[in-house]
Protein backbone atom coordinates (compact mmCIF):
# COMPACT_ATOMS: atom_id res chain seq x y z
CA MET A 1 -14.26 10.20 -7.46
CA LYS A 2 -14.09 8.39 -10.90
CA ASN A 3 -11.84 4.86 -12.43
CA LYS A 4 -10.72 3.63 -14.96
CA ILE A 5 -11.30 -0.13 -13.18
CA GLU A 6 -13.35 -1.05 -15.87
CA ALA A 7 -11.42 -0.53 -18.70
CA ILE A 8 -8.26 -2.04 -17.19
CA ARG A 9 -10.01 -4.83 -16.41
CA LYS A 10 -11.14 -5.43 -20.15
CA GLU A 11 -8.12 -4.66 -21.07
CA LYS A 12 -6.50 -7.43 -19.28
CA GLY A 13 -9.17 -9.75 -20.29
CA ILE A 14 -10.61 -10.07 -16.82
CA LEU A 15 -14.66 -10.92 -15.81
CA GLN A 16 -15.83 -8.87 -13.18
CA GLU A 17 -16.25 -12.21 -10.96
CA GLU A 18 -12.70 -13.32 -11.58
CA PHE A 19 -11.38 -9.47 -10.05
CA ALA A 20 -13.95 -9.71 -7.39
CA LYS A 21 -12.93 -12.26 -5.59
CA ALA A 22 -8.85 -11.87 -6.01
CA MET A 23 -10.51 -8.35 -4.29
CA GLY A 24 -12.41 -10.43 -1.81
CA VAL A 25 -15.27 -8.58 -2.28
CA SER A 26 -18.66 -8.89 -4.35
CA ARG A 27 -18.88 -8.72 -8.16
CA GLN A 28 -21.79 -6.38 -7.20
CA THR A 29 -18.91 -4.33 -5.44
CA ILE A 30 -16.72 -3.83 -8.29
CA SER A 31 -19.67 -3.14 -10.46
CA SER A 32 -20.53 -0.31 -8.18
CA LEU A 33 -16.89 1.30 -8.32
CA GLU A 34 -16.95 0.56 -11.96
CA ASN A 35 -19.85 2.80 -12.53
CA GLY A 36 -19.10 4.79 -10.05
CA ARG A 37 -21.30 4.11 -7.05
CA TYR A 38 -19.12 3.51 -4.74
CA ASN A 39 -15.47 5.17 -3.93
CA PRO A 40 -13.24 2.24 -2.76
CA SER A 41 -11.42 3.32 1.08
CA ILE A 42 -8.16 3.30 0.76
CA LEU A 43 -6.97 -0.13 1.80
CA LEU A 44 -9.40 -1.57 -1.48
CA ALA A 45 -8.20 1.17 -3.28
CA HIS A 46 -3.87 -0.05 -2.83
CA LYS A 47 -5.01 -3.51 -3.16
CA ILE A 48 -7.37 -3.06 -6.79
CA ALA A 49 -3.50 -0.60 -7.95
CA THR A 50 -1.34 -3.31 -6.84
CA PHE A 51 -3.07 -6.18 -8.68
CA PHE A 52 -2.71 -3.92 -11.87
CA GLU A 53 0.78 -3.05 -11.06
CA MET A 54 -0.22 0.69 -11.15
CA THR A 55 -0.43 3.31 -8.88
CA ILE A 56 -3.50 4.77 -6.96
CA GLU A 57 -3.40 7.66 -8.95
CA GLU A 58 -3.00 5.27 -12.17
CA VAL A 59 -6.13 3.81 -11.58
CA PHE A 60 -8.47 6.82 -9.69
CA VAL A 61 -9.08 10.32 -11.11
CA PHE A 62 -9.68 12.68 -7.88
CA GLU A 63 -12.43 15.65 -8.68
CA GLU A 64 -12.07 18.31 -6.76
CA GLU A 65 -16.11 19.06 -6.08
C-alpha cells in the first residue's frame, strides 16, 4: 500500500519528529510509513487521516496485488 504522508506532511511544514509525537509513535515508524516499509493499523491510518483533515483514501493508495 502506498501513501502520500511525506508529501502532505512536508506541504504542511511538519517535521517527522513532530508528526510522530502527535501520532503517538516513533519517528522511525513515520519514516517506515513514508518509505512504504510499514503498513499502519486501521486505527493509525484513521488517526493520520484525521490529523490531516482528510479521508483515509486521500492519504493511502490501495493497490490490488
